[in-house]
């Protein structure tokens, strides 16, 4: 399994309602990309408070690397990605992506 982890620093002008809408769009992709196992999204509730501005994020679990590639190539993901970049502090600079192979 591949765990795709994305952390986002949204611009201060982006409302929580707008962020929730973006995450809803993300969840809609699950049924459209085979091999997408689970999607979790939201705002950090860490008691450590060391998010360094990355207060929102999501995790998508994929069956394998091919499923992750299919997600990355999917037109709805590309559209959502463009919206996330536009809403983030500094564009792509406000987004961190990390892909982690997870052994069962």
Protein backbone atom coordinates (compact mmCIF):
# COMPACT_ATOMS: atom_id res chain seq x y z
CA UNK A 1 0.00 0.00 0.00
CA UNK A 2 1.12 3.55 -0.72
CA UNK A 3 0.13 6.35 1.67
CA UNK A 4 0.01 9.75 -0.07
CA UNK A 5 0.31 12.50 2.57
CA UNK A 6 -0.35 16.14 1.68
CA UNK A 7 0.00 19.11 4.04
CA UNK A 8 -1.27 22.54 3.02
CA UNK A 9 -0.73 26.11 4.20
CA UNK A 10 -3.85 27.87 2.95
CA UNK A 11 -3.87 31.61 2.38
CA UNK A 12 -5.49 33.45 5.32
CA UNK A 13 -8.28 34.65 3.02
CA UNK A 14 -9.41 31.07 2.28
CA UNK A 15 -12.39 30.24 4.52
CA UNK A 16 -12.93 26.98 6.35
CA UNK A 17 -16.06 26.52 4.21
CA UNK A 18 -13.96 26.80 1.03
CA UNK A 19 -11.42 24.33 2.41
CA UNK A 20 -14.23 21.90 3.29
CA UNK A 21 -15.49 22.20 -0.30
CA UNK A 22 -12.04 21.42 -1.68
CA UNK A 23 -11.79 18.38 0.55
CA UNK A 24 -15.27 17.26 -0.52
CA UNK A 25 -14.07 17.42 -4.14
CA UNK A 26 -11.12 15.26 -3.11
CA UNK A 27 -13.39 12.64 -1.54
CA UNK A 28 -15.43 12.46 -4.76
CA UNK A 29 -12.34 11.23 -6.62
CA UNK A 30 -12.18 8.01 -4.55
CA UNK A 31 -14.90 6.22 -6.50
CA UNK A 32 -13.40 7.31 -9.83
CA UNK A 33 -9.85 5.99 -9.44
CA UNK A 34 -9.48 2.21 -9.04
CA UNK A 35 -7.08 1.25 -6.28
CA UNK A 36 -7.97 4.22 -4.07
CA UNK A 37 -8.52 2.59 -0.69
CA UNK A 38 -9.25 5.47 1.70
CA UNK A 39 -9.19 9.25 1.95
CA UNK A 40 -8.97 11.23 5.19
CA UNK A 41 -8.85 15.02 5.31
CA UNK A 42 -9.13 17.85 7.78
CA UNK A 43 -7.55 20.44 10.03
CA UNK A 44 -4.80 19.62 12.48
CA UNK A 45 -5.83 19.15 16.09
CA UNK A 46 -2.31 18.42 17.30
CA UNK A 47 -1.70 19.28 20.96
CA UNK A 48 1.97 19.84 20.06
CA UNK A 49 1.13 22.91 17.93
CA UNK A 50 4.20 22.57 15.69
CA UNK A 51 2.45 22.49 12.31
CA UNK A 52 4.53 25.46 11.09
CA UNK A 53 1.52 26.83 9.24
CA UNK A 54 0.51 23.54 7.62
CA UNK A 55 -2.83 23.45 9.42
CA UNK A 56 -4.77 21.34 6.89
CA UNK A 57 -4.01 18.17 5.07
CA UNK A 58 -5.13 14.87 3.72
CA UNK A 59 -4.03 11.28 3.38
CA UNK A 60 -4.95 9.00 0.49
CA UNK A 61 -4.17 5.29 0.67
CA UNK A 62 -3.59 3.50 -2.63
CA UNK A 63 -3.30 -0.20 -3.37
CA UNK A 64 0.00 0.32 -5.20
CA UNK A 65 2.16 2.78 -7.15
CA UNK A 66 0.07 2.27 -10.30
CA UNK A 67 -3.06 3.43 -8.46
CA UNK A 68 -1.21 6.52 -7.21
CA UNK A 69 -0.12 7.27 -10.78
CA UNK A 70 -3.70 6.84 -12.04
CA UNK A 71 -4.82 9.34 -9.36
CA UNK A 72 -2.12 11.81 -10.36
CA UNK A 73 -3.10 11.50 -14.03
CA UNK A 74 -6.85 11.75 -13.41
CA UNK A 75 -8.32 15.03 -14.78
CA UNK A 76 -10.34 15.69 -11.62
CA UNK A 77 -7.20 15.35 -9.49
CA UNK A 78 -5.36 17.75 -11.78
CA UNK A 79 -8.20 20.28 -11.52
CA UNK A 80 -8.32 19.94 -7.74
CA UNK A 81 -4.54 20.21 -7.55
CA UNK A 82 -4.67 23.50 -9.45
CA UNK A 83 -7.30 24.81 -7.02
CA UNK A 84 -5.19 23.78 -4.03
CA UNK A 85 -2.11 25.46 -5.47
CA UNK A 86 -4.10 28.67 -6.11
CA UNK A 87 -5.41 28.67 -2.52
CA UNK A 88 -2.06 27.93 -0.86
CA UNK A 89 0.49 30.39 0.49
CA UNK A 90 3.07 30.82 -2.27
CA UNK A 91 1.36 28.37 -4.63
CA UNK A 92 3.22 25.06 -4.70
CA UNK A 93 5.49 26.36 -1.93
CA UNK A 94 2.52 26.04 0.44
CA UNK A 95 2.03 22.33 -0.20
CA UNK A 96 4.07 19.37 1.02
CA UNK A 97 3.60 15.91 -0.50
CA UNK A 98 5.07 12.72 0.92
CA UNK A 99 4.51 9.21 -0.45
CA UNK A 100 5.20 6.35 1.92
CA UNK A 101 5.12 2.63 1.16
CA UNK A 102 3.27 0.93 4.03
CA UNK A 103 3.80 -2.75 4.74
CA UNK A 104 0.82 -4.70 6.02
